[in-house]
Amino acid sequence: MQEFEIFGNKDTRSGFGEGLLEIGKKNPNVVALCADLTGSLKMNAFQNEFPERFFQVGIAEANMMGLAAGMTIGGKIPYTGTFANFSTGRVYDQIRQSIAYSQKNVKICASHAGLTLGEDGATHQILEDIGMMKMLPNMTVIVPADFNQTKQATIAIADHVGPVYLRFGRPSVPIFVKPDAKFEIGKADVLIEGTDVTIIACGHLVWKSIEAAQALHEKGISAEVINMHTIKPLDEEAILKSVAKTKCVVTAEEHMRNGGLGDSVAQVLAMNTPAPQEYVAVNDTFGESGTPNELMTKYHIDTVDVIAAAEKVLARKD
């Protein structure tokens, strides 16, 4: 069983902050806009280094999206920053009309996604955003797994021409992606090779899936773990190659069961090679206030739930 070196624990939003500063130093066309949450998005360092390229728009997210779209016309590469709920649900019309429809080169960077926002509760915990954004034509959707990968993705999207939705979070999680790893949009990372069951995960559920694979190994079950950091464009080849071996799949995500990574994988399987699938995701409900760990346990998106889903889908195999 493969062992993973842990490089500490850190929040993925800090990976965004460091990546934004680094790409800002490399590319003078990068600008940043924030909706009154500079500290929460870890955009302070960019603001301090490049005050003339930082725009504090206040609590006016719709205006921020319109400003960002306009800046692209002059060749700028705007990174917008606010909570995921306010980056999508509050401004969906502006994103659809002003950014996605006209293929504007805006990077929509969304922190505090999913349940692990924690104590702020259901009004701030968006669990529908991956589905909303992946349905928009021309939109690329990325959900990195840890601090290092979020930093790498933040840097990589500057070279991608077109709108991007980059989703990350608030809690500190283990850092297991190597600092020098290459981030390639649309190319999944096979973290653990296995033969009995495929586990495909994104975001905070990637580490949970690694933990689950280690527990399954102790039970004599060989699990393949895939970090599907890009939801759109989806790495269909990686999915089909893995499921051709294992004949069954579990998808794990900090998102609503409807419309997320699981549904994207299910569509690929239905159109190519139908196979048993189990979802680890929030099942058609809003969240509530609580600690990240409490919420992941209550809403069944924890390590034990990945293990249970793997055992269940194995029992469904022919």
C-alpha atoms as a PDB file:
ATOM      1  CA  MET A   1       0.000   0.000   0.000  1.00  0.00           C
ATOM      2  CA  GLN A   2       1.407   3.353  -1.061  1.00  0.00           C
ATOM      3  CA  GLU A   3       2.434   5.694   1.746  1.00  0.00           C
ATOM      4  CA  PHE A   4       1.907   9.444   1.466  1.00  0.00           C
ATOM      5  CA  GLU A   5       4.290  12.068   2.779  1.00  0.00           C
ATOM      6  CA  ILE A   6       2.381  14.744   4.664  1.00  0.00           C
ATOM      7  CA  PHE A   7       3.768  18.283   4.326  1.00  0.00           C
ATOM      8  CA  GLY A   8       1.744  19.659   7.233  1.00  0.00           C
ATOM      9  CA  ASN A   9      -1.841  20.917   7.475  1.00  0.00           C
ATOM     10  CA  LYS A  10      -3.133  24.103   5.918  1.00  0.00           C
ATOM     11  CA  ASP A  11      -6.300  25.577   4.461  1.00  0.00           C
ATOM     12  CA  THR A  12      -6.734  25.535   0.695  1.00  0.00           C
ATOM     13  CA  ARG A  13      -7.705  29.221   0.652  1.00  0.00           C
ATOM     14  CA  SER A  14      -4.131  30.013   1.736  1.00  0.00           C
ATOM     15  CA  GLY A  15      -2.918  28.092  -1.312  1.00  0.00           C
ATOM     16  CA  PHE A  16      -5.003  30.440  -3.424  1.00  0.00           C
ATOM     17  CA  GLY A  17      -3.517  33.481  -1.697  1.00  0.00           C
ATOM     18  CA  GLU A  18       0.059  32.323  -2.269  1.00  0.00           C
ATOM     19  CA  GLY A  19      -0.652  31.298  -5.843  1.00  0.00           C
ATOM     20  CA  LEU A  20      -2.265  34.639  -6.624  1.00  0.00           C
ATOM     21  CA  LEU A  21       0.768  36.524  -5.332  1.00  0.00           C
ATOM     22  CA  GLU A  22       3.154  34.325  -7.301  1.00  0.00           C
ATOM     23  CA  ILE A  23       1.290  34.604 -10.596  1.00  0.00           C
ATOM     24  CA  GLY A  24       0.906  38.332  -9.966  1.00  0.00           C
ATOM     25  CA  LYS A  25       4.688  38.667  -9.845  1.00  0.00           C
ATOM     26  CA  LYS A  26       5.080  36.710 -13.069  1.00  0.00           C
ATOM     27  CA  ASN A  27       2.246  38.190 -15.105  1.00  0.00           C
ATOM     28  CA  PRO A  28       1.591  41.955 -14.982  1.00  0.00           C
ATOM     29  CA  ASN A  29      -1.831  41.468 -16.596  1.00  0.00           C
ATOM     30  CA  VAL A  30      -3.149  39.635 -13.548  1.00  0.00           C
ATOM     31  CA  VAL A  31      -5.468  41.806 -11.470  1.00  0.00           C
ATOM     32  CA  ALA A  32      -7.536  40.916  -8.402  1.00  0.00           C
ATOM     33  CA  LEU A  33     -10.996  41.954  -7.290  1.00  0.00           C
ATOM     34  CA  CYS A  34     -12.529  41.212  -3.897  1.00  0.00           C
ATOM     35  CA  ALA A  35     -15.992  41.674  -2.403  1.00  0.00           C
ATOM     36  CA  ASP A  36     -15.075  42.845   1.103  1.00  0.00           C
ATOM     37  CA  LEU A  37     -13.419  39.563   2.141  1.00  0.00           C
ATOM     38  CA  THR A  38      -9.741  40.220   1.500  1.00  0.00           C
ATOM     39  CA  GLY A  39      -8.554  38.552   4.703  1.00  0.00           C
ATOM     40  CA  SER A  40     -10.852  35.558   4.379  1.00  0.00           C
ATOM     41  CA  LEU A  41      -9.648  34.950   0.807  1.00  0.00           C
ATOM     42  CA  LYS A  42      -5.994  35.488   1.788  1.00  0.00           C
ATOM     43  CA  MET A  43      -5.635  38.182  -0.870  1.00  0.00           C
ATOM     44  CA  ASN A  44      -3.798  40.592   1.474  1.00  0.00           C
ATOM     45  CA  ALA A  45      -0.344  39.796   0.134  1.00  0.00           C
ATOM     46  CA  PHE A  46      -1.396  40.571  -3.444  1.00  0.00           C
ATOM     47  CA  GLN A  47      -3.078  43.772  -2.300  1.00  0.00           C
ATOM     48  CA  ASN A  48       0.040  44.900  -0.449  1.00  0.00           C
ATOM     49  CA  GLU A  49       2.396  44.002  -3.310  1.00  0.00           C
ATOM     50  CA  PHE A  50       0.253  45.374  -6.145  1.00  0.00           C
ATOM     51  CA  PRO A  51      -2.147  47.996  -4.730  1.00  0.00           C
ATOM     52  CA  GLU A  52      -2.685  49.476  -8.200  1.00  0.00           C
ATOM     53  CA  ARG A  53      -3.853  46.064  -9.464  1.00  0.00           C
ATOM     54  CA  PHE A  54      -6.185  45.288  -6.563  1.00  0.00           C
ATOM     55  CA  PHE A  55      -9.809  46.438  -6.557  1.00  0.00           C
ATOM     56  CA  GLN A  56     -11.955  46.306  -3.434  1.00  0.00           C
ATOM     57  CA  VAL A  57     -15.522  46.433  -4.727  1.00  0.00           C
ATOM     58  CA  GLY A  58     -17.274  46.039  -1.379  1.00  0.00           C
ATOM     59  CA  ILE A  59     -20.351  43.882  -0.852  1.00  0.00           C
ATOM     60  CA  ALA A  60     -21.333  44.209  -4.511  1.00  0.00           C
ATOM     61  CA  GLU A  61     -20.622  40.826  -6.063  1.00  0.00           C
ATOM     62  CA  ALA A  62     -22.695  41.403  -9.193  1.00  0.00           C
ATOM     63  CA  ASN A  63     -20.779  44.588  -9.900  1.00  0.00           C
ATOM     64  CA  MET A  64     -17.516  42.689  -9.332  1.00  0.00           C
ATOM     65  CA  MET A  65     -18.382  40.195 -12.067  1.00  0.00           C
ATOM     66  CA  GLY A  66     -19.280  42.981 -14.477  1.00  0.00           C
ATOM     67  CA  LEU A  67     -16.060  44.854 -13.710  1.00  0.00           C
ATOM     68  CA  ALA A  68     -14.020  41.689 -14.200  1.00  0.00           C
ATOM     69  CA  ALA A  69     -15.660  40.960 -17.541  1.00  0.00           C
ATOM     70  CA  GLY A  70     -14.901  44.493 -18.723  1.00  0.00           C
ATOM     71  CA  MET A  71     -11.272  44.304 -17.658  1.00  0.00           C
ATOM     72  CA  THR A  72     -10.657  41.333 -19.934  1.00  0.00           C
ATOM     73  CA  ILE A  73     -11.422  43.479 -22.954  1.00  0.00           C
ATOM     74  CA  GLY A  74      -8.266  45.461 -22.192  1.00  0.00           C
ATOM     75  CA  GLY A  75      -6.199  42.304 -21.896  1.00  0.00           C
ATOM     76  CA  LYS A  76      -6.288  41.961 -18.134  1.00  0.00           C
ATOM     77  CA  ILE A  77      -6.686  38.594 -16.373  1.00  0.00           C
ATOM     78  CA  PRO A  78      -9.017  39.273 -13.454  1.00  0.00           C
ATOM     79  CA  TYR A  79      -9.230  36.975 -10.434  1.00  0.00           C
ATOM     80  CA  THR A  80     -12.414  37.588  -8.445  1.00  0.00           C
ATOM     81  CA  GLY A  81     -12.555  36.561  -4.794  1.00  0.00           C
ATOM     82  CA  THR A  82     -15.418  35.926  -2.380  1.00  0.00           C
ATOM     83  CA  PHE A  83     -17.222  33.028  -0.685  1.00  0.00           C
ATOM     84  CA  ALA A  84     -18.449  30.285  -3.038  1.00  0.00           C
ATOM     85  CA  ASN A  85     -22.083  31.085  -2.254  1.00  0.00           C
ATOM     86  CA  PHE A  86     -21.618  34.698  -3.268  1.00  0.00           C
ATOM     87  CA  SER A  87     -19.395  33.737  -6.230  1.00  0.00           C
ATOM     88  CA  THR A  88     -22.152  31.679  -7.838  1.00  0.00           C
ATOM     89  CA  GLY A  89     -25.668  31.689  -6.417  1.00  0.00           C
ATOM     90  CA  ARG A  90     -25.789  35.439  -5.835  1.00  0.00           C
ATOM     91  CA  VAL A  91     -24.361  36.374  -9.241  1.00  0.00           C
ATOM     92  CA  TYR A  92     -25.334  33.538 -11.576  1.00  0.00           C
ATOM     93  CA  ASP A  93     -27.019  35.845 -14.072  1.00  0.00           C
ATOM     94  CA  GLN A  94     -23.953  38.084 -14.337  1.00  0.00           C
ATOM     95  CA  ILE A  95     -21.659  35.082 -14.797  1.00  0.00           C
ATOM     96  CA  ARG A  96     -23.910  33.540 -17.427  1.00  0.00           C
ATOM     97  CA  GLN A  97     -24.524  36.691 -19.425  1.00  0.00           C
ATOM     98  CA  SER A  98     -21.327  38.705 -19.033  1.00  0.00           C
ATOM     99  CA  ILE A  99     -18.659  35.996 -18.623  1.00  0.00           C
ATOM    100  CA  ALA A 100     -19.607  32.530 -19.870  1.00  0.00           C
ATOM    101  CA  TYR A 101     -21.719  33.554 -22.877  1.00  0.00           C
ATOM    102  CA  SER A 102     -19.028  35.833 -24.265  1.00  0.00           C
ATOM    103  CA  GLN A 103     -16.122  33.626 -23.110  1.00  0.00           C
ATOM    104  CA  LYS A 104     -14.506  36.343 -21.022  1.00  0.00           C
ATOM    105  CA  ASN A 105     -11.143  35.433 -19.480  1.00  0.00           C
ATOM    106  CA  VAL A 106     -12.313  35.775 -15.848  1.00  0.00           C
ATOM    107  CA  LYS A 107     -11.068  33.520 -13.046  1.00  0.00           C
ATOM    108  CA  ILE A 108     -13.878  33.121 -10.490  1.00  0.00           C
ATOM    109  CA  CYS A 109     -12.131  32.083  -7.283  1.00  0.00           C
ATOM    110  CA  ALA A 110     -14.473  30.794  -4.600  1.00  0.00           C
ATOM    111  CA  SER A 111     -13.541  30.081  -0.995  1.00  0.00           C
ATOM    112  CA  HIS A 112     -15.506  28.643   1.951  1.00  0.00           C
ATOM    113  CA  ALA A 113     -17.280  26.118  -0.274  1.00  0.00           C
ATOM    114  CA  GLY A 114     -19.407  23.228   0.955  1.00  0.00           C
ATOM    115  CA  LEU A 115     -20.247  22.227   4.528  1.00  0.00           C
ATOM    116  CA  THR A 116     -16.769  22.831   5.921  1.00  0.00           C
ATOM    117  CA  LEU A 117     -17.428  26.560   6.012  1.00  0.00           C
ATOM    118  CA  GLY A 118     -18.755  25.425   9.378  1.00  0.00           C
ATOM    119  CA  GLU A 119     -20.400  27.660  11.934  1.00  0.00           C
ATOM    120  CA  ASP A 120     -21.702  30.273   9.469  1.00  0.00           C
ATOM    121  CA  GLY A 121     -24.442  27.799   8.588  1.00  0.00           C
ATOM    122  CA  ALA A 122     -26.666  26.940   5.659  1.00  0.00           C
ATOM    123  CA  THR A 123     -27.027  30.473   4.290  1.00  0.00           C
ATOM    124  CA  HIS A 124     -23.297  30.512   3.546  1.00  0.00           C
ATOM    125  CA  GLN A 125     -22.711  26.813   2.791  1.00  0.00           C
ATOM    126  CA  ILE A 126     -23.334  26.299  -0.896  1.00  0.00           C
ATOM    127  CA  LEU A 127     -23.610  22.684  -2.052  1.00  0.00           C
ATOM    128  CA  GLU A 128     -24.970  23.346  -5.550  1.00  0.00           C
ATOM    129  CA  ASP A 129     -22.176  25.414  -7.076  1.00  0.00           C
ATOM    130  CA  ILE A 130     -20.302  22.704  -9.002  1.00  0.00           C
ATOM    131  CA  GLY A 131     -23.503  21.755 -10.797  1.00  0.00           C
ATOM    132  CA  MET A 132     -24.402  25.369 -11.521  1.00  0.00           C
ATOM    133  CA  MET A 133     -21.002  26.198 -12.943  1.00  0.00           C
ATOM    134  CA  LYS A 134     -20.329  23.018 -14.916  1.00  0.00           C
ATOM    135  CA  MET A 135     -23.612  23.495 -16.787  1.00  0.00           C
ATOM    136  CA  LEU A 136     -22.443  26.811 -18.217  1.00  0.00           C
ATOM    137  CA  PRO A 137     -20.970  26.477 -21.722  1.00  0.00           C
ATOM    138  CA  ASN A 138     -17.314  27.598 -21.958  1.00  0.00           C
ATOM    139  CA  MET A 139     -16.768  27.296 -18.171  1.00  0.00           C
ATOM    140  CA  THR A 140     -13.867  25.273 -16.735  1.00  0.00           C
ATOM    141  CA  VAL A 141     -14.484  23.927 -13.211  1.00  0.00           C
ATOM    142  CA  ILE A 142     -11.599  23.028 -10.858  1.00  0.00           C
ATOM    143  CA  VAL A 143     -11.750  21.682  -7.288  1.00  0.00           C
ATOM    144  CA  PRO A 144      -8.185  21.123  -5.983  1.00  0.00           C
ATOM    145  CA  ALA A 145      -7.436  18.747  -3.119  1.00  0.00           C
ATOM    146  CA  ASP A 146      -5.043  20.552  -0.769  1.00  0.00           C
ATOM    147  CA  PHE A 147      -2.953  23.673  -0.170  1.00  0.00           C
ATOM    148  CA  ASN A 148      -0.236  22.832  -2.694  1.00  0.00           C
ATOM    149  CA  GLN A 149      -2.637  21.847  -5.445  1.00  0.00           C
ATOM    150  CA  THR A 150      -4.752  24.956  -4.908  1.00  0.00           C
ATOM    151  CA  LYS A 151      -1.642  27.096  -5.275  1.00  0.00           C
ATOM    152  CA  GLN A 152      -0.635  25.195  -8.410  1.00  0.00           C
ATOM    153  CA  ALA A 153      -4.114  25.528  -9.910  1.00  0.00           C
ATOM    154  CA  THR A 154      -4.267  29.248  -9.142  1.00  0.00           C
ATOM    155  CA  ILE A 155      -1.057  29.735 -11.103  1.00  0.00           C
ATOM    156  CA  ALA A 156      -2.044  27.396 -13.949  1.00  0.00           C
ATOM    157  CA  ILE A 157      -5.394  29.009 -14.753  1.00  0.00           C
ATOM    158  CA  ALA A 158      -3.696  32.266 -15.743  1.00  0.00           C
ATOM    159  CA  ASP A 159      -2.483  30.554 -18.907  1.00  0.00           C
ATOM    160  CA  HIS A 160      -5.902  29.086 -19.693  1.00  0.00           C
ATOM    161  CA  VAL A 161      -7.856  31.380 -22.001  1.00  0.00           C
ATOM    162  CA  GLY A 162     -11.480  31.457 -20.944  1.00  0.00           C
ATOM    163  CA  PRO A 163     -13.628  31.556 -17.815  1.00  0.00           C
ATOM    164  CA  VAL A 164     -12.667  29.346 -14.863  1.00  0.00           C
ATOM    165  CA  TYR A 165     -14.412  28.466 -11.618  1.00  0.00           C
ATOM    166  CA  LEU A 166     -11.851  27.581  -8.942  1.00  0.00           C
ATOM    167  CA  ARG A 167     -13.391  26.157  -5.742  1.00  0.00           C
ATOM    168  CA  PHE A 168     -11.563  25.824  -2.425  1.00  0.00           C
ATOM    169  CA  GLY A 169     -12.204  25.953   1.308  1.00  0.00           C
ATOM    170  CA  ARG A 170     -11.696  27.196   4.830  1.00  0.00           C
ATOM    171  CA  PRO A 171     -10.498  24.327   7.088  1.00  0.00           C
ATOM    172  CA  SER A 172      -6.936  23.125   7.498  1.00  0.00           C
ATOM    173  CA  VAL A 173      -6.450  19.748   5.811  1.00  0.00           C
ATOM    174  CA  PRO A 174      -3.415  17.490   5.245  1.00  0.00           C
ATOM    175  CA  ILE A 175      -1.044  18.594   2.475  1.00  0.00           C
ATOM    176  CA  PHE A 176      -0.061  15.564   0.409  1.00  0.00           C
ATOM    177  CA  VAL A 177       0.421  16.897  -3.129  1.00  0.00           C
ATOM    178  CA  LYS A 178       4.111  17.528  -3.701  1.00  0.00           C
ATOM    179  CA  PRO A 179       5.108  21.201  -3.884  1.00  0.00           C
ATOM    180  CA  ASP A 180       6.681  20.723  -7.308  1.00  0.00           C
ATOM    181  CA  ALA A 181       3.860  18.642  -8.791  1.00  0.00           C
ATOM    182  CA  LYS A 182       2.626  19.686 -12.217  1.00  0.00           C
ATOM    183  CA  PHE A 183      -0.996  20.794 -12.404  1.00  0.00           C
ATOM    184  CA  GLU A 184      -2.676  20.040 -15.715  1.00  0.00           C
ATOM    185  CA  ILE A 185      -6.233  21.170 -16.306  1.00  0.00           C
ATOM    186  CA  GLY A 186      -8.423  18.224 -17.302  1.00  0.00           C
ATOM    187  CA  LYS A 187      -5.875  15.548 -16.349  1.00  0.00           C
ATOM    188  CA  ALA A 188      -6.767  13.475 -13.274  1.00  0.00           C
ATOM    189  CA  ASP A 189      -4.167  12.239 -10.795  1.00  0.00           C
ATOM    190  CA  VAL A 190      -4.176   8.524  -9.994  1.00  0.00           C
ATOM    191  CA  LEU A 191      -2.965   8.583  -6.394  1.00  0.00           C
ATOM    192  CA  ILE A 192      -3.300   4.883  -5.556  1.00  0.00           C
ATOM    193  CA  GLU A 193      -3.548   2.038  -8.036  1.00  0.00           C
ATOM    194  CA  GLY A 194      -6.010  -0.740  -7.232  1.00  0.00           C
ATOM    195  CA  THR A 195      -7.994  -3.557  -8.789  1.00  0.00           C
ATOM    196  CA  ASP A 196     -11.213  -4.053  -6.760  1.00  0.00           C
ATOM    197  CA  VAL A 197     -12.952  -0.668  -6.631  1.00  0.00           C
ATOM    198  CA  THR A 198     -12.397   2.807  -8.079  1.00  0.00           C
ATOM    199  CA  ILE A 199     -12.788   5.816  -5.787  1.00  0.00           C
ATOM    200  CA  ILE A 200     -13.011   9.150  -7.628  1.00  0.00           C
ATOM    201  CA  ALA A 201     -12.920  12.243  -5.423  1.00  0.00           C
ATOM    202  CA  CYS A 202     -12.368  16.000  -5.482  1.00  0.00           C
ATOM    203  CA  GLY A 203     -11.548  18.682  -2.948  1.00  0.00           C
ATOM    204  CA  HIS A 204     -11.504  17.790   0.737  1.00  0.00           C
ATOM    205  CA  LEU A 205     -12.850  14.313  -0.022  1.00  0.00           C
ATOM    206  CA  VAL A 206      -9.606  13.290  -1.738  1.00  0.00           C
ATOM    207  CA  TRP A 207      -7.761  12.890   1.563  1.00  0.00           C
ATOM    208  CA  LYS A 208     -10.796  11.153   3.056  1.00  0.00           C
ATOM    209  CA  SER A 209     -10.664   8.738   0.122  1.00  0.00           C
ATOM    210  CA  ILE A 210      -6.970   8.053   0.709  1.00  0.00           C
ATOM    211  CA  GLU A 211      -7.782   7.251   4.344  1.00  0.00           C
ATOM    212  CA  ALA A 212     -10.610   4.994   3.169  1.00  0.00           C
ATOM    213  CA  ALA A 213      -8.320   3.159   0.729  1.00  0.00           C
ATOM    214  CA  GLN A 214      -5.835   2.532   3.523  1.00  0.00           C
ATOM    215  CA  ALA A 215      -8.598   1.090   5.727  1.00  0.00           C
ATOM    216  CA  LEU A 216      -9.923  -1.034   2.865  1.00  0.00           C
ATOM    217  CA  HIS A 217      -6.422  -2.360   2.255  1.00  0.00           C
ATOM    218  CA  GLU A 218      -6.394  -3.663   5.827  1.00  0.00           C
ATOM    219  CA  LYS A 219      -9.554  -5.590   4.923  1.00  0.00           C
ATOM    220  CA  GLY A 220      -7.948  -7.086   1.819  1.00  0.00           C
ATOM    221  CA  ILE A 221      -9.700  -4.743  -0.625  1.00  0.00           C
ATOM    222  CA  SER A 222      -7.621  -3.026  -3.314  1.00  0.00           C
ATOM    223  CA  ALA A 223      -8.974   0.472  -3.987  1.00  0.00           C
ATOM    224  CA  GLU A 224      -7.828   2.761  -6.772  1.00  0.00           C
ATOM    225  CA  VAL A 225      -8.015   6.432  -5.770  1.00  0.00           C
ATOM    226  CA  ILE A 226      -8.293   9.155  -8.399  1.00  0.00           C
ATOM    227  CA  ASN A 227      -8.035  12.863  -7.618  1.00  0.00           C
ATOM    228  CA  MET A 228     -10.457  14.358 -10.156  1.00  0.00           C
ATOM    229  CA  HIS A 229      -9.433  17.962  -9.529  1.00  0.00           C
ATOM    230  CA  THR A 230     -10.971  19.121 -12.803  1.00  0.00           C
ATOM    231  CA  ILE A 231     -14.709  18.516 -13.019  1.00  0.00           C
ATOM    232  CA  LYS A 232     -14.951  20.155 -16.432  1.00  0.00           C
ATOM    233  CA  PRO A 233     -13.371  19.207 -18.756  1.00  0.00           C
ATOM    234  CA  LEU A 234     -13.617  15.763 -17.179  1.00  0.00           C
ATOM    235  CA  ASP A 235     -10.846  13.198 -17.665  1.00  0.00           C
ATOM    236  CA  GLU A 236     -13.063  10.520 -19.190  1.00  0.00           C
ATOM    237  CA  GLU A 237     -10.090   8.404 -20.212  1.00  0.00           C
ATOM    238  CA  ALA A 238      -8.940   8.050 -16.605  1.00  0.00           C
ATOM    239  CA  ILE A 239     -12.417   7.033 -15.495  1.00  0.00           C
ATOM    240  CA  LEU A 240     -12.907   4.421 -18.199  1.00  0.00           C
ATOM    241  CA  LYS A 241      -9.411   2.987 -17.815  1.00  0.00           C
ATOM    242  CA  SER A 242      -9.871   2.525 -14.078  1.00  0.00           C
ATOM    243  CA  VAL A 243     -13.401   1.121 -14.202  1.00  0.00           C
ATOM    244  CA  ALA A 244     -12.336  -1.308 -16.919  1.00  0.00           C
ATOM    245  CA  LYS A 245     -10.177  -2.901 -14.199  1.00  0.00           C
ATOM    246  CA  THR A 246     -12.376  -2.582 -11.135  1.00  0.00           C
ATOM    247  CA  LYS A 247     -15.886  -2.849 -12.650  1.00  0.00           C
ATOM    248  CA  CYS A 248     -17.346  -0.526 -10.001  1.00  0.00           C
ATOM    249  CA  VAL A 249     -16.925   3.034  -8.712  1.00  0.00           C
ATOM    250  CA  VAL A 250     -17.483   5.315  -5.733  1.00  0.00           C
ATOM    251  CA  THR A 251     -17.582   9.092  -6.182  1.00  0.00           C
ATOM    252  CA  ALA A 252     -16.871  11.342  -3.199  1.00  0.00           C
ATOM    253  CA  GLU A 253     -17.421  15.088  -3.001  1.00  0.00           C
ATOM    254  CA  GLU A 254     -18.364  17.914  -0.648  1.00  0.00           C
ATOM    255  CA  HIS A 255     -21.368  18.839  -2.740  1.00  0.00           C
ATOM    256  CA  MET A 256     -24.975  17.931  -3.331  1.00  0.00           C
ATOM    257  CA  ARG A 257     -25.479  14.476  -4.798  1.00  0.00           C
ATOM    258  CA  ASN A 258     -27.412  16.054  -7.651  1.00  0.00           C
ATOM    259  CA  GLY A 259     -25.316  17.767 -10.295  1.00  0.00           C
ATOM    260  CA  GLY A 260     -21.801  17.301  -8.971  1.00  0.00           C
ATOM    261  CA  LEU A 261     -18.801  15.113  -9.731  1.00  0.00           C
ATOM    262  CA  GLY A 262     -20.830  11.937  -9.182  1.00  0.00           C
ATOM    263  CA  ASP A 263     -23.339  12.833 -11.863  1.00  0.00           C
ATOM    264  CA  SER A 264     -20.555  13.685 -14.321  1.00  0.00           C
ATOM    265  CA  VAL A 265     -18.935  10.285 -13.741  1.00  0.00           C
ATOM    266  CA  ALA A 266     -22.288   8.516 -14.004  1.00  0.00           C
ATOM    267  CA  GLN A 267     -22.900  10.136 -17.376  1.00  0.00           C
ATOM    268  CA  VAL A 268     -19.547   8.915 -18.687  1.00  0.00           C
ATOM    269  CA  LEU A 269     -20.269   5.376 -17.505  1.00  0.00           C
ATOM    270  CA  ALA A 270     -23.824   5.364 -18.876  1.00  0.00           C
ATOM    271  CA  MET A 271     -22.593   6.393 -22.312  1.00  0.00           C
ATOM    272  CA  ASN A 272     -19.620   4.044 -22.461  1.00  0.00           C
ATOM    273  CA  THR A 273     -19.522   1.166 -19.969  1.00  0.00           C
ATOM    274  CA  PRO A 274     -22.318   1.028 -17.368  1.00  0.00           C
ATOM    275  CA  ALA A 275     -21.051  -0.090 -13.957  1.00  0.00           C
ATOM    276  CA  PRO A 276     -22.322  -0.030 -10.350  1.00  0.00           C
ATOM    277  CA  GLN A 277     -21.753   3.342  -8.693  1.00  0.00           C
ATOM    278  CA  GLU A 278     -22.241   4.683  -5.168  1.00  0.00           C
ATOM    279  CA  TYR A 279     -22.274   8.361  -4.226  1.00  0.00           C
ATOM    280  CA  VAL A 280     -20.660   9.929  -1.161  1.00  0.00           C
ATOM    281  CA  ALA A 281     -22.273  13.366  -1.179  1.00  0.00           C
ATOM    282  CA  VAL A 282     -24.871  15.441   0.628  1.00  0.00           C
ATOM    283  CA  ASN A 283     -28.308  14.028  -0.134  1.00  0.00           C
ATOM    284  CA  ASP A 284     -30.765  16.778  -1.119  1.00  0.00           C
ATOM    285  CA  THR A 285     -30.577  18.912   2.006  1.00  0.00           C
ATOM    286  CA  PHE A 286     -29.184  22.197   3.232  1.00  0.00           C
ATOM    287  CA  GLY A 287     -26.473  22.256   5.887  1.00  0.00           C
ATOM    288  CA  GLU A 288     -26.426  23.833   9.339  1.00  0.00           C
ATOM    289  CA  SER A 289     -24.047  25.406  11.830  1.00  0.00           C
ATOM    290  CA  GLY A 290     -21.356  23.202  13.305  1.00  0.00           C
ATOM    291  CA  THR A 291     -17.685  22.374  13.143  1.00  0.00           C
ATOM    292  CA  PRO A 292     -16.394  21.002   9.833  1.00  0.00           C
ATOM    293  CA  ASN A 293     -15.797  17.556  11.318  1.00  0.00           C
ATOM    294  CA  GLU A 294     -19.231  17.428  12.938  1.00  0.00           C
ATOM    295  CA  LEU A 295     -20.908  18.377   9.687  1.00  0.00           C
ATOM    296  CA  MET A 296     -18.964  15.915   7.551  1.00  0.00           C
ATOM    297  CA  THR A 297     -19.952  13.159   9.961  1.00  0.00           C
ATOM    298  CA  LYS A 298     -23.630  14.139  10.175  1.00  0.00           C
ATOM    299  CA  TYR A 299     -24.059  14.574   6.421  1.00  0.00           C
ATOM    300  CA  HIS A 300     -22.206  11.353   5.592  1.00  0.00           C
ATOM    301  CA  ILE A 301     -19.217  12.682   3.657  1.00  0.00           C
ATOM    302  CA  ASP A 302     -16.487  11.344   5.943  1.00  0.00           C
ATOM    303  CA  THR A 303     -13.911   8.561   5.688  1.00  0.00           C
ATOM    304  CA  VAL A 304     -16.270   5.950   7.114  1.00  0.00           C
ATOM    305  CA  ASP A 305     -18.836   6.819   4.477  1.00  0.00           C
ATOM    306  CA  VAL A 306     -16.337   6.268   1.655  1.00  0.00           C
ATOM    307  CA  ILE A 307     -15.460   2.894   3.175  1.00  0.00           C
ATOM    308  CA  ALA A 308     -19.126   1.927   3.479  1.00  0.00           C
ATOM    309  CA  ALA A 309     -19.851   3.019  -0.104  1.00  0.00           C
ATOM    310  CA  ALA A 310     -16.922   0.967  -1.406  1.00  0.00           C
ATOM    311  CA  GLU A 311     -18.113  -2.138   0.434  1.00  0.00           C
ATOM    312  CA  LYS A 312     -21.660  -1.581  -0.819  1.00  0.00           C
ATOM    313  CA  VAL A 313     -20.666  -1.162  -4.456  1.00  0.00           C
ATOM    314  CA  LEU A 314     -18.402  -4.219  -4.271  1.00  0.00           C
ATOM    315  CA  ALA A 315     -21.424  -6.269  -3.218  1.00  0.00           C
ATOM    316  CA  ARG A 316     -23.253  -5.052  -6.335  1.00  0.00           C
ATOM    317  CA  LYS A 317     -20.606  -6.234  -8.780  1.00  0.00           C
ATOM    318  CA  ASP A 318     -21.505  -9.182 -11.017  1.00  0.00           C
END
